[in-house]
Amino acid sequence: MHKIESCTKYQNGIQIFWTEEEKKFADFFPYEELIDMKINVLDLLKNPAIYRIDVKNHKIESSV
């Protein structure tokens, strides 16, 4: 699991950014997927550092 550093809001979802081994990575999550994972999108946008991304399973979880 990697700490989410920032997020960008788009019309159809959220782009998630994190760093792994000093390289920047990004992944896109449509709003429907975030809702299915029970992720509060507004909180994710305001407080990305409290969320973690599981790259292999394409999931986001709160670390709180």
PDB file of N, CA and C in Angstrom:
ATOM      1  N   MET A   1       0.843  -1.175   0.000  1.00  0.00           N
ATOM      2  CA  MET A   1       0.000   0.000   0.000  1.00  0.00           C
ATOM      3  C   MET A   1       0.893   1.246   0.000  1.00  0.00           C
ATOM      4  N   HIS A   2       0.508   2.217  -0.794  1.00  0.00           N
ATOM      5  CA  HIS A   2       1.285   3.440  -0.913  1.00  0.00           C
ATOM      6  C   HIS A   2       0.454   4.644  -0.480  1.00  0.00           C
ATOM      7  N   LYS A   3       1.103   5.571   0.174  1.00  0.00           N
ATOM      8  CA  LYS A   3       0.438   6.790   0.630  1.00  0.00           C
ATOM      9  C   LYS A   3       0.092   7.655  -0.580  1.00  0.00           C
ATOM     10  N   ILE A   4      -1.155   8.104  -0.644  1.00  0.00           N
ATOM     11  CA  ILE A   4      -1.588   8.988  -1.722  1.00  0.00           C
ATOM     12  C   ILE A   4      -1.082  10.389  -1.411  1.00  0.00           C
ATOM     13  N   GLU A   5      -0.434  10.992  -2.370  1.00  0.00           N
ATOM     14  CA  GLU A   5       0.145  12.322  -2.174  1.00  0.00           C
ATOM     15  C   GLU A   5      -0.775  13.444  -2.624  1.00  0.00           C
ATOM     16  N   SER A   6      -1.495  13.213  -3.728  1.00  0.00           N
ATOM     17  CA  SER A   6      -2.408  14.242  -4.218  1.00  0.00           C
ATOM     18  C   SER A   6      -3.445  13.609  -5.134  1.00  0.00           C
ATOM     19  N   CYS A   7      -4.471  14.396  -5.426  1.00  0.00           N
ATOM     20  CA  CYS A   7      -5.560  13.942  -6.283  1.00  0.00           C
ATOM     21  C   CYS A   7      -5.986  15.097  -7.173  1.00  0.00           C
ATOM     22  N   THR A   8      -6.487  14.752  -8.342  1.00  0.00           N
ATOM     23  CA  THR A   8      -7.043  15.745  -9.250  1.00  0.00           C
ATOM     24  C   THR A   8      -8.444  15.306  -9.629  1.00  0.00           C
ATOM     25  N   LYS A   9      -9.378  16.230  -9.508  1.00  0.00           N
ATOM     26  CA  LYS A   9     -10.775  15.956  -9.820  1.00  0.00           C
ATOM     27  C   LYS A   9     -11.027  16.160 -11.307  1.00  0.00           C
ATOM     28  N   TYR A  10     -11.717  15.210 -11.908  1.00  0.00           N
ATOM     29  CA  TYR A  10     -12.149  15.304 -13.297  1.00  0.00           C
ATOM     30  C   TYR A  10     -13.654  15.086 -13.348  1.00  0.00           C
ATOM     31  N   GLN A  11     -14.244  15.344 -14.488  1.00  0.00           N
ATOM     32  CA  GLN A  11     -15.690  15.217 -14.634  1.00  0.00           C
ATOM     33  C   GLN A  11     -16.183  13.799 -14.344  1.00  0.00           C
ATOM     34  N   ASN A  12     -15.390  12.806 -14.700  1.00  0.00           N
ATOM     35  CA  ASN A  12     -15.838  11.422 -14.557  1.00  0.00           C
ATOM     36  C   ASN A  12     -15.090  10.612 -13.499  1.00  0.00           C
ATOM     37  N   GLY A  13     -14.216  11.252 -12.710  1.00  0.00           N
ATOM     38  CA  GLY A  13     -13.502  10.519 -11.669  1.00  0.00           C
ATOM     39  C   GLY A  13     -12.343  11.300 -11.077  1.00  0.00           C
ATOM     40  N   ILE A  14     -11.483  10.590 -10.370  1.00  0.00           N
ATOM     41  CA  ILE A  14     -10.364  11.186  -9.639  1.00  0.00           C
ATOM     42  C   ILE A  14      -9.062  10.532 -10.081  1.00  0.00           C
ATOM     43  N   GLN A  15      -8.063  11.354 -10.386  1.00  0.00           N
ATOM     44  CA  GLN A  15      -6.714  10.874 -10.690  1.00  0.00           C
ATOM     45  C   GLN A  15      -5.926  10.894  -9.381  1.00  0.00           C
ATOM     46  N   ILE A  16      -5.328   9.767  -9.024  1.00  0.00           N
ATOM     47  CA  ILE A  16      -4.583   9.601  -7.777  1.00  0.00           C
ATOM     48  C   ILE A  16      -3.088   9.585  -8.096  1.00  0.00           C
ATOM     49  N   PHE A  17      -2.297  10.278  -7.268  1.00  0.00           N
ATOM     50  CA  PHE A  17      -0.843  10.330  -7.467  1.00  0.00           C
ATOM     51  C   PHE A  17      -0.121   9.849  -6.215  1.00  0.00           C
ATOM     52  N   TRP A  18       0.940   9.068  -6.417  1.00  0.00           N
ATOM     53  CA  TRP A  18       1.784   8.603  -5.317  1.00  0.00           C
ATOM     54  C   TRP A  18       3.205   8.412  -5.836  1.00  0.00           C
ATOM     55  N   THR A  19       4.137   8.256  -4.891  1.00  0.00           N
ATOM     56  CA  THR A  19       5.541   8.046  -5.236  1.00  0.00           C
ATOM     57  C   THR A  19       5.970   6.671  -4.745  1.00  0.00           C
ATOM     58  N   GLU A  20       6.714   5.996  -5.614  1.00  0.00           N
ATOM     59  CA  GLU A  20       7.234   4.674  -5.282  1.00  0.00           C
ATOM     60  C   GLU A  20       8.661   4.608  -5.801  1.00  0.00           C
ATOM     61  N   GLU A  21       9.602   4.377  -4.894  1.00  0.00           N
ATOM     62  CA  GLU A  21      11.018   4.320  -5.247  1.00  0.00           C
ATOM     63  C   GLU A  21      11.454   5.564  -6.027  1.00  0.00           C
ATOM     64  N   GLU A  22      11.043   6.707  -5.524  1.00  0.00           N
ATOM     65  CA  GLU A  22      11.384   8.027  -6.066  1.00  0.00           C
ATOM     66  C   GLU A  22      10.836   8.278  -7.472  1.00  0.00           C
ATOM     67  N   LYS A  23       9.845   7.516  -7.882  1.00  0.00           N
ATOM     68  CA  LYS A  23       9.179   7.732  -9.161  1.00  0.00           C
ATOM     69  C   LYS A  23       7.718   8.065  -8.900  1.00  0.00           C
ATOM     70  N   LYS A  24       7.182   9.021  -9.665  1.00  0.00           N
ATOM     71  CA  LYS A  24       5.776   9.405  -9.525  1.00  0.00           C
ATOM     72  C   LYS A  24       4.913   8.479 -10.367  1.00  0.00           C
ATOM     73  N   PHE A  25       3.787   8.092  -9.792  1.00  0.00           N
ATOM     74  CA  PHE A  25       2.827   7.237 -10.475  1.00  0.00           C
ATOM     75  C   PHE A  25       1.438   7.842 -10.349  1.00  0.00           C
ATOM     76  N   ALA A  26       0.555   7.430 -11.245  1.00  0.00           N
ATOM     77  CA  ALA A  26      -0.823   7.908 -11.212  1.00  0.00           C
ATOM     78  C   ALA A  26      -1.754   6.775 -11.627  1.00  0.00           C
ATOM     79  N   ASP A  27      -2.977   6.848 -11.121  1.00  0.00           N
ATOM     80  CA  ASP A  27      -4.015   5.906 -11.507  1.00  0.00           C
ATOM     81  C   ASP A  27      -5.339   6.649 -11.463  1.00  0.00           C
ATOM     82  N   PHE A  28      -6.281   6.221 -12.280  1.00  0.00           N
ATOM     83  CA  PHE A  28      -7.570   6.885 -12.372  1.00  0.00           C
ATOM     84  C   PHE A  28      -8.661   5.990 -11.795  1.00  0.00           C
ATOM     85  N   PHE A  29      -9.553   6.596 -11.009  1.00  0.00           N
ATOM     86  CA  PHE A  29     -10.685   5.892 -10.428  1.00  0.00           C
ATOM     87  C   PHE A  29     -11.974   6.623 -10.785  1.00  0.00           C
ATOM     88  N   PRO A  30     -12.876   5.976 -11.523  1.00  0.00           N
ATOM     89  CA  PRO A  30     -14.183   6.597 -11.787  1.00  0.00           C
ATOM     90  C   PRO A  30     -14.958   6.740 -10.474  1.00  0.00           C
ATOM     91  N   TYR A  31     -15.857   7.711 -10.427  1.00  0.00           N
ATOM     92  CA  TYR A  31     -16.634   7.951  -9.202  1.00  0.00           C
ATOM     93  C   TYR A  31     -17.382   6.692  -8.754  1.00  0.00           C
ATOM     94  N   GLU A  32     -17.904   5.911  -9.695  1.00  0.00           N
ATOM     95  CA  GLU A  32     -18.650   4.706  -9.348  1.00  0.00           C
ATOM     96  C   GLU A  32     -17.787   3.725  -8.556  1.00  0.00           C
ATOM     97  N   GLU A  33     -16.535   3.565  -8.949  1.00  0.00           N
ATOM     98  CA  GLU A  33     -15.628   2.668  -8.216  1.00  0.00           C
ATOM     99  C   GLU A  33     -15.374   3.185  -6.808  1.00  0.00           C
ATOM    100  N   LEU A  34     -15.162   4.487  -6.675  1.00  0.00           N
ATOM    101  CA  LEU A  34     -14.907   5.072  -5.355  1.00  0.00           C
ATOM    102  C   LEU A  34     -16.118   4.892  -4.453  1.00  0.00           C
ATOM    103  N   ILE A  35     -17.307   5.080  -4.988  1.00  0.00           N
ATOM    104  CA  ILE A  35     -18.534   4.898  -4.209  1.00  0.00           C
ATOM    105  C   ILE A  35     -18.663   3.437  -3.787  1.00  0.00           C
ATOM    106  N   ASP A  36     -18.369   2.507  -4.697  1.00  0.00           N
ATOM    107  CA  ASP A  36     -18.432   1.078  -4.362  1.00  0.00           C
ATOM    108  C   ASP A  36     -17.444   0.711  -3.260  1.00  0.00           C
ATOM    109  N   MET A  37     -16.295   1.401  -3.210  1.00  0.00           N
ATOM    110  CA  MET A  37     -15.288   1.156  -2.159  1.00  0.00           C
ATOM    111  C   MET A  37     -15.604   1.930  -0.882  1.00  0.00           C
ATOM    112  N   LYS A  38     -16.726   2.675  -0.894  1.00  0.00           N
ATOM    113  CA  LYS A  38     -17.161   3.496   0.241  1.00  0.00           C
ATOM    114  C   LYS A  38     -16.136   4.583   0.587  1.00  0.00           C
ATOM    115  N   ILE A  39     -15.552   5.185  -0.453  1.00  0.00           N
ATOM    116  CA  ILE A  39     -14.597   6.274  -0.284  1.00  0.00           C
ATOM    117  C   ILE A  39     -15.346   7.596  -0.397  1.00  0.00           C
ATOM    118  N   ASN A  40     -15.172   8.457   0.591  1.00  0.00           N
ATOM    119  CA  ASN A  40     -15.752   9.797   0.560  1.00  0.00           C
ATOM    120  C   ASN A  40     -14.889  10.652  -0.374  1.00  0.00           C
ATOM    121  N   VAL A  41     -15.405  10.942  -1.550  1.00  0.00           N
ATOM    122  CA  VAL A  41     -14.630  11.626  -2.588  1.00  0.00           C
ATOM    123  C   VAL A  41     -14.183  13.012  -2.132  1.00  0.00           C
ATOM    124  N   LEU A  42     -15.061  13.757  -1.471  1.00  0.00           N
ATOM    125  CA  LEU A  42     -14.673  15.096  -1.001  1.00  0.00           C
ATOM    126  C   LEU A  42     -13.545  15.012   0.021  1.00  0.00           C
ATOM    127  N   ASP A  43     -13.611  14.036   0.910  1.00  0.00           N
ATOM    128  CA  ASP A  43     -12.547  13.860   1.897  1.00  0.00           C
ATOM    129  C   ASP A  43     -11.243  13.439   1.226  1.00  0.00           C
ATOM    130  N   LEU A  44     -11.336  12.566   0.235  1.00  0.00           N
ATOM    131  CA  LEU A  44     -10.148  12.143  -0.514  1.00  0.00           C
ATOM    132  C   LEU A  44      -9.472  13.339  -1.178  1.00  0.00           C
ATOM    133  N   LEU A  45     -10.261  14.231  -1.753  1.00  0.00           N
ATOM    134  CA  LEU A  45      -9.701  15.419  -2.403  1.00  0.00           C
ATOM    135  C   LEU A  45      -9.075  16.385  -1.404  1.00  0.00           C
ATOM    136  N   LYS A  46      -9.700  16.535  -0.239  1.00  0.00           N
ATOM    137  CA  LYS A  46      -9.200  17.484   0.770  1.00  0.00           C
ATOM    138  C   LYS A  46      -8.051  16.913   1.605  1.00  0.00           C
ATOM    139  N   ASN A  47      -8.087  15.604   1.854  1.00  0.00           N
ATOM    140  CA  ASN A  47      -7.114  14.960   2.746  1.00  0.00           C
ATOM    141  C   ASN A  47      -6.523  13.700   2.114  1.00  0.00           C
ATOM    142  N   PRO A  48      -5.855  13.813   0.987  1.00  0.00           N
ATOM    143  CA  PRO A  48      -5.358  12.599   0.320  1.00  0.00           C
ATOM    144  C   PRO A  48      -4.347  11.810   1.143  1.00  0.00           C
ATOM    145  N   ALA A  49      -3.618  12.464   2.031  1.00  0.00           N
ATOM    146  CA  ALA A  49      -2.559  11.793   2.792  1.00  0.00           C
ATOM    147  C   ALA A  49      -3.093  10.755   3.781  1.00  0.00           C
ATOM    148  N   ILE A  50      -4.380  10.793   4.101  1.00  0.00           N
ATOM    149  CA  ILE A  50      -4.915   9.789   5.024  1.00  0.00           C
ATOM    150  C   ILE A  50      -5.417   8.550   4.285  1.00  0.00           C
ATOM    151  N   TYR A  51      -5.202   8.504   2.988  1.00  0.00           N
ATOM    152  CA  TYR A  51      -5.621   7.365   2.173  1.00  0.00           C
ATOM    153  C   TYR A  51      -4.410   6.632   1.608  1.00  0.00           C
ATOM    154  N   ARG A  52      -4.591   5.351   1.357  1.00  0.00           N
ATOM    155  CA  ARG A  52      -3.550   4.503   0.780  1.00  0.00           C
ATOM    156  C   ARG A  52      -4.113   3.829  -0.466  1.00  0.00           C
ATOM    157  N   ILE A  53      -3.244   3.591  -1.438  1.00  0.00           N
ATOM    158  CA  ILE A  53      -3.648   2.896  -2.650  1.00  0.00           C
ATOM    159  C   ILE A  53      -3.000   1.523  -2.696  1.00  0.00           C
ATOM    160  N   ASP A  54      -3.802   0.532  -2.998  1.00  0.00           N
ATOM    161  CA  ASP A  54      -3.333  -0.830  -3.224  1.00  0.00           C
ATOM    162  C   ASP A  54      -3.295  -0.995  -4.739  1.00  0.00           C
ATOM    163  N   VAL A  55      -2.114  -0.854  -5.310  1.00  0.00           N
ATOM    164  CA  VAL A  55      -1.954  -0.825  -6.763  1.00  0.00           C
ATOM    165  C   VAL A  55      -2.346  -2.162  -7.388  1.00  0.00           C
ATOM    166  N   LYS A  56      -1.916  -3.255  -6.797  1.00  0.00           N
ATOM    167  CA  LYS A  56      -2.177  -4.578  -7.376  1.00  0.00           C
ATOM    168  C   LYS A  56      -3.669  -4.885  -7.473  1.00  0.00           C
ATOM    169  N   ASN A  57      -4.425  -4.465  -6.468  1.00  0.00           N
ATOM    170  CA  ASN A  57      -5.861  -4.751  -6.438  1.00  0.00           C
ATOM    171  C   ASN A  57      -6.717  -3.572  -6.892  1.00  0.00           C
ATOM    172  N   HIS A  58      -6.066  -2.462  -7.282  1.00  0.00           N
ATOM    173  CA  HIS A  58      -6.773  -1.262  -7.742  1.00  0.00           C
ATOM    174  C   HIS A  58      -7.831  -0.838  -6.717  1.00  0.00           C
ATOM    175  N   LYS A  59      -7.373  -0.623  -5.473  1.00  0.00           N
ATOM    176  CA  LYS A  59      -8.264  -0.227  -4.385  1.00  0.00           C
ATOM    177  C   LYS A  59      -7.664   0.901  -3.594  1.00  0.00           C
ATOM    178  N   ILE A  60      -8.535   1.677  -2.977  1.00  0.00           N
ATOM    179  CA  ILE A  60      -8.142   2.760  -2.080  1.00  0.00           C
ATOM    180  C   ILE A  60      -8.747   2.470  -0.717  1.00  0.00           C
ATOM    181  N   GLU A  61      -7.964   2.721   0.341  1.00  0.00           N
ATOM    182  CA  GLU A  61      -8.432   2.538   1.708  1.00  0.00           C
ATOM    183  C   GLU A  61      -8.021   3.710   2.563  1.00  0.00           C
ATOM    184  N   SER A  62      -8.825   3.999   3.558  1.00  0.00           N
ATOM    185  CA  SER A  62      -8.482   5.032   4.532  1.00  0.00           C
ATOM    186  C   SER A  62      -7.520   4.450   5.546  1.00  0.00           C
ATOM    187  N   SER A  63      -6.539   5.224   5.960  1.00  0.00           N
ATOM    188  CA  SER A  63      -5.587   4.758   6.971  1.00  0.00           C
ATOM    189  C   SER A  63      -5.993   5.230   8.364  1.00  0.00           C
ATOM    190  N   VAL A  64      -7.147   5.867   8.472  1.00  0.00           N
ATOM    191  CA  VAL A  64      -7.623   6.373   9.767  1.00  0.00           C
ATOM    192  C   VAL A  64      -8.629   5.415  10.333  1.00  0.00           C
TER     193      VAL A  64
END
